[in-house]
Amino acid sequence: MRSKLQLLLLIVVLFMDLTNANSEECTKRAEFVHPQTCCSLPEFFTLEVRKACNEEMAAINLVEKNETYSSCYISCGLRNAGITDGEEIVLEKFNNYIDVVFKDHKELRLLASEAFSNCSKQVGEYNERISKDSNVPPAPPGCTYSHAFALSCAAKIVVDNCPASLWNDKQECKEARDYFKQCRYHVWMTADVKI
């Protein structure tokens, strides 16, 4: 079974929109490397949160292959972590939570906080865009697509700016990072964080 962080990072792929096909360097995509291979991030959701959400997903009969599973799991995780009790994710609660789960990684805490703050500012625009997309089914009760957007947007930024202490300098990781730095891309709305 994939870890929930891996699922979160894979959500990033769902929201990516690669552009700049005119660039010679960008016509051939870099070989896919799982983000966790290159940036060894600690688990975001604690064991207790993951256990509670696994039970909740089973109780509402959602399985990992279900198209809404990731969004529902993330909403569940954020509720159980005390970061949200509804649609809004409170930055102060997010920061308090990452102070605990990333306690050994000061640089990661700062990066995650700034990334999440940046992505949270784009939730309104994201909700507007998704409401106009007739291919997106309504989220089940207790699930909020914007939670998955905000967290996956932040995770993408964290991986893009992975602290050196967590970065794997393998050739495949260098190539993947170089590709994404050289070729323009964004997560539905551009999520740039200057660190």
Foldseek 3Di string as FASTA:
>chain_A
DDDLVLVLLVVLVVQKDFDDCVDPLQVDAADDDRLCVFFVDFDLFDPVLQVVLVVVCVVVVHDPVDPQSSQLSLLSRCVVQVQDDDADGDLVSSLVSCCPRVVVPPVLSVLLSQLLVLQSVCLVVVVVVVVPDPVDDDHDPSGDVSSSRSSSSSVVSCSLVPPPVRGDPDPSSVVNSVNPVVTDMARNDRRDDDD
